[in-house]
């Protein structure tokens, strides 16, 4: 079992990462909520990992902290939730907000995440409630820094953000519409994705 890796962040094509560890490039799938916290390319990064072995593939999932990995491992124990769907859930909603939805019995909010139907959302609320009793919920998110990107930078950020949202299961029209509706200042594609996901969860 690979529990943690530390290396140089070589590529970031959400949700896929490439991390160099002593000359070996590890391909890692990470939720957007972890990708938000990553340093710039070329910098050192540490991820807590979960290794999945299937008949057709071996996949390494990475998380910014142990709590997020713990939630991922709890999710994949729920009937009907595989690692890909768990990754989508953690990309579509902050961990604390997910826990709050479970505590409040708010399955309607979870249905807005791609791949989550009504029955799956209700099952998540029921099966996860006992597992998350001790989870401390803090739904306040850090303020984003003000930025004024040039047209070329903004166009690139929009392309990257739309591609990431589509990879998470959103339709191209949904991705474009949600990004166009963002009014907050941003400083990168990750900010666009974060605000777009928050906006779609409120719809």
N, C-alpha and C. Protein backbone atom coordinates (compact mmCIF):
# COMPACT_ATOMS: atom_id res chain seq x y z
N UNK A 1 0.84 -1.20 0.00
CA UNK A 1 0.00 0.00 0.00
C UNK A 1 0.87 1.25 0.00
N UNK A 2 0.58 2.18 -0.89
CA UNK A 2 1.29 3.46 -0.93
C UNK A 2 0.46 4.46 -0.14
N UNK A 3 0.96 4.89 1.02
CA UNK A 3 0.18 5.76 1.89
C UNK A 3 0.48 7.23 1.76
N UNK A 4 1.65 7.58 1.22
CA UNK A 4 2.02 8.98 1.08
C UNK A 4 3.15 9.12 0.08
N UNK A 5 3.12 10.17 -0.69
CA UNK A 5 4.24 10.44 -1.58
C UNK A 5 4.65 11.91 -1.47
N UNK A 6 5.94 12.14 -1.60
CA UNK A 6 6.50 13.49 -1.61
C UNK A 6 7.41 13.61 -2.81
N UNK A 7 7.18 14.62 -3.62
CA UNK A 7 8.00 14.79 -4.81
C UNK A 7 7.74 16.12 -5.47
N UNK A 8 8.22 16.26 -6.68
CA UNK A 8 8.09 17.50 -7.43
C UNK A 8 6.86 17.44 -8.32
N UNK A 9 6.04 18.46 -8.25
CA UNK A 9 4.83 18.53 -9.07
C UNK A 9 5.23 18.92 -10.49
N UNK A 10 5.11 17.96 -11.43
CA UNK A 10 5.54 18.19 -12.81
C UNK A 10 4.39 18.67 -13.70
N UNK A 11 3.23 18.05 -13.56
CA UNK A 11 2.09 18.39 -14.41
C UNK A 11 0.82 18.45 -13.57
N UNK A 12 -0.09 19.30 -14.00
CA UNK A 12 -1.37 19.45 -13.31
C UNK A 12 -2.45 19.65 -14.36
N UNK A 13 -3.12 18.57 -14.72
CA UNK A 13 -4.21 18.59 -15.68
C UNK A 13 -5.43 18.02 -14.96
N UNK A 14 -6.08 18.88 -14.20
CA UNK A 14 -7.15 18.44 -13.28
C UNK A 14 -8.10 17.44 -13.95
N UNK A 15 -8.40 16.33 -13.25
CA UNK A 15 -7.97 15.96 -11.89
C UNK A 15 -6.69 15.12 -11.85
N UNK A 16 -5.93 15.08 -12.94
CA UNK A 16 -4.72 14.25 -12.99
C UNK A 16 -3.48 15.07 -12.66
N UNK A 17 -2.60 14.46 -11.87
CA UNK A 17 -1.33 15.08 -11.50
C UNK A 17 -0.20 14.13 -11.87
N UNK A 18 0.97 14.70 -12.14
CA UNK A 18 2.17 13.90 -12.35
C UNK A 18 3.22 14.40 -11.36
N UNK A 19 3.68 13.50 -10.49
CA UNK A 19 4.62 13.87 -9.44
C UNK A 19 5.90 13.05 -9.58
N UNK A 20 7.02 13.74 -9.65
CA UNK A 20 8.32 13.07 -9.78
C UNK A 20 8.86 12.75 -8.40
N UNK A 21 9.09 11.46 -8.16
CA UNK A 21 9.68 11.02 -6.89
C UNK A 21 10.96 10.27 -7.20
N UNK A 22 12.08 10.94 -7.02
CA UNK A 22 13.39 10.35 -7.28
C UNK A 22 13.49 9.76 -8.69
N UNK A 23 12.99 10.51 -9.66
CA UNK A 23 13.11 10.09 -11.05
C UNK A 23 11.98 9.24 -11.57
N UNK A 24 11.05 8.86 -10.70
CA UNK A 24 9.89 8.08 -11.12
C UNK A 24 8.65 8.98 -11.11
N UNK A 25 7.93 9.02 -12.22
CA UNK A 25 6.76 9.87 -12.32
C UNK A 25 5.50 9.12 -11.92
N UNK A 26 4.87 9.56 -10.86
CA UNK A 26 3.63 8.94 -10.38
C UNK A 26 2.42 9.72 -10.89
N UNK A 27 1.51 9.01 -11.56
CA UNK A 27 0.26 9.62 -11.99
C UNK A 27 -0.74 9.48 -10.84
N UNK A 28 -1.29 10.61 -10.42
CA UNK A 28 -2.18 10.63 -9.26
C UNK A 28 -3.47 11.35 -9.63
N UNK A 29 -4.60 10.78 -9.22
CA UNK A 29 -5.89 11.45 -9.37
C UNK A 29 -6.23 12.13 -8.05
N UNK A 30 -6.55 13.41 -8.11
CA UNK A 30 -6.85 14.16 -6.89
C UNK A 30 -8.14 14.95 -7.06
N UNK A 31 -8.92 15.09 -5.99
CA UNK A 31 -10.13 15.90 -6.06
C UNK A 31 -9.77 17.37 -6.18
N UNK A 32 -10.66 18.15 -6.76
CA UNK A 32 -10.39 19.57 -6.93
C UNK A 32 -10.13 20.26 -5.59
N UNK A 33 -10.78 19.80 -4.53
CA UNK A 33 -10.57 20.42 -3.23
C UNK A 33 -9.14 20.23 -2.72
N UNK A 34 -8.42 19.24 -3.23
CA UNK A 34 -7.00 19.09 -2.92
C UNK A 34 -6.15 19.89 -3.90
N UNK A 35 -6.57 19.90 -5.16
CA UNK A 35 -5.80 20.62 -6.18
C UNK A 35 -5.76 22.12 -5.89
N UNK A 36 -6.82 22.65 -5.27
CA UNK A 36 -6.82 24.07 -4.90
C UNK A 36 -5.61 24.44 -4.05
N UNK A 37 -5.13 23.49 -3.25
CA UNK A 37 -4.08 23.79 -2.27
C UNK A 37 -2.67 23.52 -2.79
N UNK A 38 -2.55 23.02 -4.02
CA UNK A 38 -1.24 22.63 -4.54
C UNK A 38 -0.35 23.84 -4.81
N UNK A 39 0.96 23.65 -4.67
CA UNK A 39 1.90 24.72 -5.02
C UNK A 39 2.05 24.81 -6.53
N UNK A 40 2.90 25.71 -6.99
CA UNK A 40 3.13 25.89 -8.42
C UNK A 40 3.92 24.70 -8.97
N UNK A 41 3.85 24.52 -10.30
CA UNK A 41 4.63 23.45 -10.94
C UNK A 41 6.11 23.64 -10.63
N UNK A 42 6.77 22.51 -10.41
CA UNK A 42 8.20 22.56 -10.08
C UNK A 42 8.48 22.61 -8.59
N UNK A 43 7.43 22.78 -7.78
CA UNK A 43 7.60 22.85 -6.34
C UNK A 43 7.35 21.47 -5.72
N UNK A 44 7.84 21.30 -4.50
CA UNK A 44 7.64 20.03 -3.80
C UNK A 44 6.22 19.94 -3.25
N UNK A 45 5.65 18.76 -3.32
CA UNK A 45 4.30 18.54 -2.83
C UNK A 45 4.24 17.20 -2.09
N UNK A 46 3.42 17.15 -1.05
CA UNK A 46 3.18 15.91 -0.32
C UNK A 46 1.69 15.59 -0.36
N UNK A 47 1.37 14.37 -0.75
CA UNK A 47 -0.02 13.94 -0.80
C UNK A 47 -0.19 12.64 -0.02
N UNK A 48 -1.29 12.56 0.72
CA UNK A 48 -1.68 11.32 1.38
C UNK A 48 -2.47 10.52 0.36
N UNK A 49 -2.13 9.27 0.19
CA UNK A 49 -2.66 8.52 -0.96
C UNK A 49 -3.47 7.28 -0.57
N UNK A 50 -4.26 6.86 -1.54
CA UNK A 50 -5.03 5.62 -1.43
C UNK A 50 -4.85 4.89 -2.75
N UNK A 51 -4.37 3.64 -2.67
CA UNK A 51 -4.04 2.87 -3.87
C UNK A 51 -5.17 1.88 -4.16
N UNK A 52 -5.69 1.93 -5.38
CA UNK A 52 -6.78 1.06 -5.78
C UNK A 52 -6.30 0.13 -6.89
N UNK A 53 -6.49 -1.17 -6.69
CA UNK A 53 -6.11 -2.16 -7.69
C UNK A 53 -7.37 -2.78 -8.25
N UNK A 54 -7.56 -2.65 -9.57
CA UNK A 54 -8.69 -3.27 -10.25
C UNK A 54 -8.16 -4.27 -11.28
N UNK A 55 -9.08 -5.01 -11.87
CA UNK A 55 -8.66 -5.98 -12.88
C UNK A 55 -8.03 -5.30 -14.09
N UNK A 56 -8.53 -4.09 -14.42
CA UNK A 56 -8.07 -3.41 -15.62
C UNK A 56 -7.14 -2.23 -15.36
N UNK A 57 -6.88 -1.92 -14.10
CA UNK A 57 -6.04 -0.75 -13.83
C UNK A 57 -5.59 -0.70 -12.38
N UNK A 58 -4.50 0.04 -12.15
CA UNK A 58 -4.04 0.36 -10.80
C UNK A 58 -4.02 1.87 -10.70
N UNK A 59 -4.77 2.42 -9.76
CA UNK A 59 -4.96 3.86 -9.69
C UNK A 59 -4.56 4.39 -8.32
N UNK A 60 -3.79 5.48 -8.33
CA UNK A 60 -3.35 6.12 -7.09
C UNK A 60 -4.12 7.43 -6.92
N UNK A 61 -4.84 7.54 -5.82
CA UNK A 61 -5.59 8.75 -5.50
C UNK A 61 -4.82 9.54 -4.45
N UNK A 62 -4.77 10.86 -4.60
CA UNK A 62 -4.02 11.69 -3.67
C UNK A 62 -4.87 12.77 -3.03
N UNK A 63 -4.53 13.09 -1.76
CA UNK A 63 -5.32 14.06 -1.00
C UNK A 63 -4.40 14.98 -0.21
N UNK A 64 -4.85 16.20 0.00
CA UNK A 64 -4.01 17.20 0.66
C UNK A 64 -3.84 16.94 2.15
N UNK A 65 -4.78 16.21 2.77
CA UNK A 65 -4.64 15.91 4.19
C UNK A 65 -5.29 14.55 4.50
N UNK A 66 -5.02 14.06 5.69
CA UNK A 66 -5.52 12.73 6.08
C UNK A 66 -7.03 12.72 6.26
N UNK A 67 -7.60 13.85 6.68
CA UNK A 67 -9.04 13.91 6.88
C UNK A 67 -9.79 13.70 5.56
N UNK A 68 -9.27 14.31 4.50
CA UNK A 68 -9.92 14.16 3.20
C UNK A 68 -9.80 12.72 2.71
N UNK A 69 -8.64 12.11 2.93
CA UNK A 69 -8.48 10.71 2.56
C UNK A 69 -9.40 9.81 3.39
N UNK A 70 -9.57 10.15 4.66
CA UNK A 70 -10.46 9.39 5.52
C UNK A 70 -11.90 9.45 5.00
N UNK A 71 -12.32 10.62 4.55
CA UNK A 71 -13.66 10.78 4.00
C UNK A 71 -13.80 9.98 2.71
N UNK A 72 -12.78 10.01 1.87
CA UNK A 72 -12.78 9.23 0.63
C UNK A 72 -12.95 7.74 0.93
N UNK A 73 -12.21 7.25 1.91
CA UNK A 73 -12.28 5.83 2.26
C UNK A 73 -13.64 5.47 2.84
N UNK A 74 -14.26 6.41 3.54
CA UNK A 74 -15.60 6.17 4.07
C UNK A 74 -16.62 6.14 2.94
N UNK A 75 -16.43 7.01 1.97
CA UNK A 75 -17.37 7.09 0.84
C UNK A 75 -17.39 5.81 0.02
N UNK A 76 -16.22 5.24 -0.25
CA UNK A 76 -16.18 4.07 -1.12
C UNK A 76 -16.71 2.81 -0.44
N UNK A 77 -17.02 2.92 0.85
CA UNK A 77 -17.65 1.81 1.56
C UNK A 77 -19.17 1.85 1.41
N UNK A 78 -19.69 2.97 0.89
CA UNK A 78 -21.12 3.11 0.69
C UNK A 78 -21.54 2.33 -0.55
N UNK A 79 -22.60 1.60 -0.47
CA UNK A 79 -23.10 0.83 -1.61
C UNK A 79 -23.36 1.74 -2.80
N UNK A 80 -22.78 1.39 -3.95
CA UNK A 80 -23.00 2.16 -5.17
C UNK A 80 -22.02 3.29 -5.39
N UNK A 81 -21.08 3.48 -4.46
CA UNK A 81 -20.09 4.56 -4.59
C UNK A 81 -18.72 3.94 -4.84
N UNK A 82 -18.22 4.07 -6.07
CA UNK A 82 -16.88 3.56 -6.39
C UNK A 82 -15.87 4.71 -6.25
N UNK A 83 -14.57 4.44 -6.37
CA UNK A 83 -13.57 5.50 -6.20
C UNK A 83 -13.76 6.68 -7.13
N UNK A 84 -14.18 6.43 -8.38
CA UNK A 84 -14.37 7.53 -9.33
C UNK A 84 -15.49 8.46 -8.86
N UNK A 85 -16.58 7.89 -8.36
CA UNK A 85 -17.69 8.70 -7.88
C UNK A 85 -17.30 9.42 -6.59
N UNK A 86 -16.54 8.76 -5.73
CA UNK A 86 -16.08 9.40 -4.50
C UNK A 86 -15.20 10.60 -4.83
N UNK A 87 -14.37 10.46 -5.85
CA UNK A 87 -13.52 11.58 -6.28
C UNK A 87 -14.38 12.73 -6.79
N UNK A 88 -15.43 12.40 -7.53
CA UNK A 88 -16.33 13.42 -8.04
C UNK A 88 -17.03 14.15 -6.91
N UNK A 89 -17.42 13.40 -5.88
CA UNK A 89 -18.09 14.01 -4.72
C UNK A 89 -17.16 14.99 -4.02
N UNK A 90 -15.92 14.57 -3.78
CA UNK A 90 -14.96 15.43 -3.09
C UNK A 90 -14.51 16.60 -3.95
N UNK A 91 -14.68 16.48 -5.27
CA UNK A 91 -14.37 17.59 -6.17
C UNK A 91 -15.52 18.59 -6.21
N UNK A 92 -16.73 18.07 -6.08
CA UNK A 92 -17.91 18.91 -6.22
C UNK A 92 -18.33 19.64 -4.98
N UNK A 93 -17.80 19.24 -3.82
CA UNK A 93 -18.22 19.87 -2.57
C UNK A 93 -17.09 19.77 -1.56
N UNK A 94 -16.87 20.85 -0.81
CA UNK A 94 -15.85 20.83 0.24
C UNK A 94 -16.22 19.76 1.28
N UNK A 95 -15.21 19.14 1.87
CA UNK A 95 -15.44 18.07 2.84
C UNK A 95 -16.36 18.51 3.97
N UNK A 96 -16.12 19.69 4.54
CA UNK A 96 -16.95 20.15 5.64
C UNK A 96 -18.39 20.40 5.20
N UNK A 97 -18.56 20.89 3.98
CA UNK A 97 -19.91 21.12 3.48
C UNK A 97 -20.63 19.80 3.24
N UNK A 98 -19.89 18.79 2.79
CA UNK A 98 -20.49 17.46 2.61
C UNK A 98 -20.96 16.92 3.96
N UNK A 99 -20.10 17.03 4.95
CA UNK A 99 -20.45 16.54 6.28
C UNK A 99 -21.68 17.27 6.82
N UNK A 100 -21.75 18.57 6.57
CA UNK A 100 -22.91 19.35 7.02
C UNK A 100 -24.18 18.87 6.33
N UNK A 101 -24.09 18.57 5.03
CA UNK A 101 -25.26 18.04 4.31
C UNK A 101 -25.73 16.73 4.93
N UNK A 102 -24.78 15.88 5.30
CA UNK A 102 -25.12 14.60 5.91
C UNK A 102 -25.77 14.82 7.27
N UNK A 103 -25.16 15.68 8.08
CA UNK A 103 -25.71 15.95 9.42
C UNK A 103 -27.11 16.55 9.33
N UNK A 104 -27.32 17.42 8.32
CA UNK A 104 -28.62 18.09 8.16
C UNK A 104 -29.64 17.25 7.39
N UNK A 105 -29.19 16.11 6.85
CA UNK A 105 -30.08 15.29 6.04
C UNK A 105 -30.44 15.95 4.72
N UNK A 106 -29.52 16.80 4.21
CA UNK A 106 -29.79 17.58 2.99
C UNK A 106 -29.34 16.79 1.75
N UNK A 107 -30.11 15.79 1.37
CA UNK A 107 -29.76 14.99 0.19
C UNK A 107 -29.95 15.79 -1.10
N UNK A 108 -30.81 16.80 -1.08
CA UNK A 108 -31.07 17.60 -2.29
C UNK A 108 -29.81 18.30 -2.78
N UNK A 109 -28.97 18.76 -1.86
CA UNK A 109 -27.72 19.43 -2.25
C UNK A 109 -26.76 18.45 -2.92
N UNK A 110 -26.76 17.20 -2.47
CA UNK A 110 -25.85 16.21 -3.03
C UNK A 110 -26.26 15.77 -4.42
N UNK A 111 -27.54 15.85 -4.74
CA UNK A 111 -28.04 15.46 -6.06
C UNK A 111 -27.44 16.35 -7.15
N UNK A 112 -27.02 17.55 -6.80
CA UNK A 112 -26.47 18.49 -7.79
C UNK A 112 -25.07 18.10 -8.24
N UNK A 113 -24.45 17.15 -7.57
CA UNK A 113 -23.12 16.68 -7.96
C UNK A 113 -23.27 15.66 -9.07
N UNK A 114 -22.48 15.76 -10.16
CA UNK A 114 -22.60 14.80 -11.27
C UNK A 114 -22.44 13.36 -10.79
N UNK A 115 -23.34 12.48 -11.27
CA UNK A 115 -23.26 11.08 -10.91
C UNK A 115 -24.04 10.71 -9.67
N UNK A 116 -24.56 11.70 -8.95
CA UNK A 116 -25.33 11.45 -7.74
C UNK A 116 -26.82 11.60 -8.04
N UNK A 117 -27.53 10.48 -8.03
CA UNK A 117 -28.97 10.52 -8.19
C UNK A 117 -29.65 10.63 -6.83
N UNK A 118 -30.96 10.71 -6.84
CA UNK A 118 -31.71 10.88 -5.61
C UNK A 118 -31.48 9.73 -4.64
N UNK A 119 -31.54 8.49 -5.15
CA UNK A 119 -31.38 7.33 -4.27
C UNK A 119 -29.97 7.26 -3.68
N UNK A 120 -28.97 7.57 -4.51
CA UNK A 120 -27.59 7.54 -4.01
C UNK A 120 -27.39 8.62 -2.95
N UNK A 121 -27.95 9.81 -3.19
CA UNK A 121 -27.83 10.90 -2.22
C UNK A 121 -28.46 10.52 -0.89
N UNK A 122 -29.64 9.93 -0.95
CA UNK A 122 -30.32 9.51 0.28
C UNK A 122 -29.53 8.42 0.99
N UNK A 123 -28.93 7.51 0.22
CA UNK A 123 -28.12 6.44 0.81
C UNK A 123 -26.88 7.02 1.49
N UNK A 124 -26.28 8.02 0.86
CA UNK A 124 -25.10 8.67 1.44
C UNK A 124 -25.45 9.30 2.79
N UNK A 125 -26.57 9.99 2.84
CA UNK A 125 -26.98 10.64 4.08
C UNK A 125 -27.18 9.61 5.19
N UNK A 126 -27.85 8.51 4.87
CA UNK A 126 -28.15 7.49 5.87
C UNK A 126 -26.89 6.74 6.31
N UNK A 127 -26.08 6.28 5.34
CA UNK A 127 -24.94 5.43 5.68
C UNK A 127 -23.76 6.21 6.24
N UNK A 128 -23.65 7.50 5.89
CA UNK A 128 -22.49 8.28 6.34
C UNK A 128 -22.72 8.96 7.68
N UNK A 129 -23.97 9.08 8.11
CA UNK A 129 -24.27 9.86 9.31
C UNK A 129 -23.52 9.32 10.53
N UNK A 130 -23.57 8.03 10.77
CA UNK A 130 -22.89 7.46 11.93
C UNK A 130 -21.37 7.55 11.80
N UNK A 131 -20.87 7.43 10.59
CA UNK A 131 -19.42 7.47 10.38
C UNK A 131 -18.84 8.86 10.56
N UNK A 132 -19.68 9.88 10.50
CA UNK A 132 -19.20 11.27 10.55
C UNK A 132 -19.61 11.99 11.83
N UNK A 133 -20.00 11.24 12.84
CA UNK A 133 -20.46 11.87 14.07
C UNK A 133 -19.40 12.74 14.73
N UNK A 134 -18.15 12.31 14.65
CA UNK A 134 -17.07 13.03 15.34
C UNK A 134 -16.41 14.11 14.46
N UNK A 135 -16.92 14.29 13.24
CA UNK A 135 -16.28 15.24 12.32
C UNK A 135 -16.64 16.66 12.73
N UNK A 136 -15.63 17.47 12.98
CA UNK A 136 -15.85 18.89 13.30
C UNK A 136 -16.12 19.65 12.02
N UNK A 137 -17.24 20.35 11.96
CA UNK A 137 -17.64 21.06 10.75
C UNK A 137 -17.32 22.54 10.85
N UNK A 138 -16.58 23.02 9.88
CA UNK A 138 -16.29 24.44 9.77
C UNK A 138 -16.47 24.81 8.31
N UNK A 139 -17.60 25.42 7.98
CA UNK A 139 -17.92 25.66 6.57
C UNK A 139 -17.39 26.99 6.06
N UNK A 140 -16.68 27.73 6.90
CA UNK A 140 -16.13 29.00 6.44
C UNK A 140 -14.92 28.72 5.56
N UNK A 141 -14.93 29.29 4.36
CA UNK A 141 -13.82 29.10 3.42
C UNK A 141 -12.93 30.34 3.42
N UNK A 142 -11.64 30.19 3.14
CA UNK A 142 -10.75 31.35 3.13
C UNK A 142 -11.10 32.31 2.01
N UNK A 143 -10.86 33.59 2.28
CA UNK A 143 -11.11 34.61 1.26
C UNK A 143 -10.10 34.47 0.13
N UNK A 144 -10.54 34.71 -1.08
CA UNK A 144 -9.64 34.62 -2.23
C UNK A 144 -8.93 35.96 -2.43
N UNK A 145 -7.69 35.88 -2.89
CA UNK A 145 -6.93 37.10 -3.13
C UNK A 145 -7.44 37.80 -4.39
N UNK A 146 -7.40 39.11 -4.38
CA UNK A 146 -7.82 39.88 -5.55
C UNK A 146 -6.77 39.77 -6.64
N UNK A 147 -7.22 39.63 -7.86
CA UNK A 147 -6.30 39.54 -9.00
C UNK A 147 -6.94 40.15 -10.22
N UNK A 148 -6.10 40.68 -11.11
CA UNK A 148 -6.57 41.27 -12.35
C UNK A 148 -5.81 40.66 -13.51
N UNK A 149 -6.18 39.46 -13.94
CA UNK A 149 -5.45 38.79 -15.00
C UNK A 149 -5.62 39.47 -16.34
N UNK A 150 -4.62 39.31 -17.20
CA UNK A 150 -4.75 39.82 -18.55
C UNK A 150 -5.65 38.92 -19.36
N UNK A 151 -6.11 39.37 -20.53
CA UNK A 151 -7.02 38.58 -21.35
C UNK A 151 -6.48 37.20 -21.71
N UNK A 152 -5.19 37.11 -22.04
CA UNK A 152 -4.61 35.83 -22.43
C UNK A 152 -4.63 34.85 -21.27
N UNK A 153 -4.25 35.34 -20.07
CA UNK A 153 -4.23 34.48 -18.89
C UNK A 153 -5.64 34.01 -18.56
N UNK A 154 -6.60 34.93 -18.60
CA UNK A 154 -7.97 34.58 -18.25
C UNK A 154 -8.54 33.54 -19.22
N UNK A 155 -8.25 33.70 -20.51
CA UNK A 155 -8.73 32.73 -21.51
C UNK A 155 -8.16 31.34 -21.21
N UNK A 156 -6.89 31.27 -20.83
CA UNK A 156 -6.27 29.99 -20.52
C UNK A 156 -6.89 29.38 -19.27
N UNK A 157 -7.13 30.22 -18.27
CA UNK A 157 -7.75 29.73 -17.03
C UNK A 157 -9.15 29.16 -17.32
N UNK A 158 -9.90 29.86 -18.17
CA UNK A 158 -11.25 29.42 -18.50
C UNK A 158 -11.22 28.08 -19.22
N UNK A 159 -10.28 27.92 -20.15
CA UNK A 159 -10.16 26.65 -20.87
C UNK A 159 -9.84 25.51 -19.91
N UNK A 160 -8.89 25.76 -18.99
CA UNK A 160 -8.51 24.72 -18.03
C UNK A 160 -9.68 24.39 -17.10
N UNK A 161 -10.38 25.42 -16.65
CA UNK A 161 -11.49 25.21 -15.73
C UNK A 161 -12.63 24.45 -16.40
N UNK A 162 -12.96 24.81 -17.63
CA UNK A 162 -14.02 24.11 -18.35
C UNK A 162 -13.64 22.65 -18.56
N UNK A 163 -12.38 22.39 -18.93
CA UNK A 163 -11.93 21.03 -19.13
C UNK A 163 -12.02 20.20 -17.86
N UNK A 164 -11.67 20.81 -16.72
CA UNK A 164 -11.74 20.09 -15.44
C UNK A 164 -13.19 19.78 -15.07
N UNK A 165 -14.09 20.74 -15.27
CA UNK A 165 -15.51 20.52 -14.94
C UNK A 165 -16.12 19.43 -15.82
N UNK A 166 -15.75 19.43 -17.08
CA UNK A 166 -16.25 18.39 -18.00
C UNK A 166 -15.71 17.02 -17.57
N UNK A 167 -14.44 16.97 -17.14
CA UNK A 167 -13.85 15.72 -16.68
C UNK A 167 -14.56 15.20 -15.43
N UNK A 168 -15.13 16.13 -14.65
CA UNK A 168 -15.85 15.74 -13.43
C UNK A 168 -17.27 15.29 -13.72
N UNK A 169 -17.71 15.42 -14.97
CA UNK A 169 -19.04 14.93 -15.33
C UNK A 169 -20.05 15.98 -15.71
N UNK A 170 -19.66 17.26 -15.64
CA UNK A 170 -20.60 18.31 -16.03
C UNK A 170 -20.63 18.44 -17.56
N UNK A 171 -21.78 18.85 -18.09
CA UNK A 171 -21.91 19.06 -19.52
C UNK A 171 -21.15 20.33 -19.92
N UNK A 172 -20.64 20.39 -21.17
CA UNK A 172 -19.90 21.58 -21.61
C UNK A 172 -20.69 22.88 -21.44
N UNK A 173 -21.99 22.83 -21.74
CA UNK A 173 -22.81 24.04 -21.60
C UNK A 173 -22.95 24.44 -20.13
N UNK A 174 -23.06 23.46 -19.23
CA UNK A 174 -23.15 23.75 -17.80
C UNK A 174 -21.85 24.38 -17.31
N UNK A 175 -20.73 23.82 -17.77
CA UNK A 175 -19.42 24.32 -17.35
C UNK A 175 -19.22 25.77 -17.80
N UNK A 176 -19.52 26.03 -19.07
CA UNK A 176 -19.34 27.37 -19.61
C UNK A 176 -20.25 28.38 -18.91
N UNK A 177 -21.49 27.99 -18.69
CA UNK A 177 -22.46 28.89 -18.05
C UNK A 177 -22.06 29.21 -16.61
N UNK A 178 -21.63 28.21 -15.88
CA UNK A 178 -21.27 28.43 -14.48
C UNK A 178 -20.03 29.30 -14.34
N UNK A 179 -19.08 29.15 -15.25
CA UNK A 179 -17.87 29.97 -15.21
C UNK A 179 -18.19 31.41 -15.60
N UNK A 180 -19.06 31.57 -16.60
CA UNK A 180 -19.43 32.92 -17.04
C UNK A 180 -20.17 33.70 -15.94
N UNK A 181 -20.80 32.97 -15.01
CA UNK A 181 -21.58 33.62 -13.96
C UNK A 181 -20.74 34.07 -12.77
N UNK A 182 -19.46 33.72 -12.76
CA UNK A 182 -18.59 34.07 -11.62
C UNK A 182 -18.31 35.57 -11.58
N UNK A 183 -18.52 36.16 -10.43
CA UNK A 183 -18.30 37.60 -10.25
C UNK A 183 -17.10 37.89 -9.34
N UNK A 184 -16.64 36.88 -8.59
CA UNK A 184 -15.56 37.08 -7.64
C UNK A 184 -14.21 37.23 -8.36
N UNK A 185 -13.26 37.93 -7.75
CA UNK A 185 -11.91 38.02 -8.32
C UNK A 185 -11.22 36.67 -8.23
N UNK A 186 -10.44 36.31 -9.24
CA UNK A 186 -9.77 35.01 -9.27
C UNK A 186 -8.30 35.20 -9.58
N UNK A 187 -7.51 34.19 -9.24
CA UNK A 187 -6.07 34.26 -9.52
C UNK A 187 -5.57 33.01 -10.21
N UNK A 188 -6.49 32.20 -10.77
CA UNK A 188 -6.08 31.00 -11.48
C UNK A 188 -7.27 30.13 -11.82
N UNK A 189 -7.01 29.07 -12.59
CA UNK A 189 -8.08 28.16 -13.00
C UNK A 189 -8.74 27.49 -11.80
N UNK A 190 -7.95 27.19 -10.76
CA UNK A 190 -8.51 26.54 -9.59
C UNK A 190 -9.58 27.39 -8.93
N UNK A 191 -9.37 28.72 -8.91
CA UNK A 191 -10.38 29.60 -8.33
C UNK A 191 -11.67 29.55 -9.15
N UNK A 192 -11.53 29.55 -10.48
CA UNK A 192 -12.70 29.46 -11.35
C UNK A 192 -13.48 28.17 -11.08
N UNK A 193 -12.76 27.07 -10.93
CA UNK A 193 -13.41 25.79 -10.69
C UNK A 193 -14.12 25.81 -9.34
N UNK A 194 -13.45 26.33 -8.33
CA UNK A 194 -14.04 26.38 -6.99
C UNK A 194 -15.35 27.17 -6.99
N UNK A 195 -15.32 28.37 -7.57
CA UNK A 195 -16.53 29.20 -7.58
C UNK A 195 -17.62 28.60 -8.47
N UNK A 196 -17.22 27.99 -9.58
CA UNK A 196 -18.21 27.37 -10.47
C UNK A 196 -18.92 26.22 -9.76
N UNK A 197 -18.16 25.39 -9.05
CA UNK A 197 -18.76 24.28 -8.32
C UNK A 197 -19.68 24.77 -7.21
N UNK A 198 -19.26 25.81 -6.50
CA UNK A 198 -20.11 26.37 -5.46
C UNK A 198 -21.41 26.91 -6.05
N UNK A 199 -21.29 27.56 -7.22
CA UNK A 199 -22.48 28.11 -7.87
C UNK A 199 -23.44 27.04 -8.32
N UNK A 200 -22.92 25.93 -8.86
CA UNK A 200 -23.80 24.86 -9.35
C UNK A 200 -24.48 24.14 -8.19
N UNK A 201 -23.82 24.08 -7.04
CA UNK A 201 -24.44 23.43 -5.89
C UNK A 201 -25.61 24.25 -5.33
N UNK A 202 -25.60 25.55 -5.62
CA UNK A 202 -26.67 26.42 -5.11
C UNK A 202 -27.87 26.47 -6.06
N UNK A 203 -27.71 25.95 -7.26
CA UNK A 203 -28.79 26.05 -8.25
C UNK A 203 -29.99 25.19 -7.84
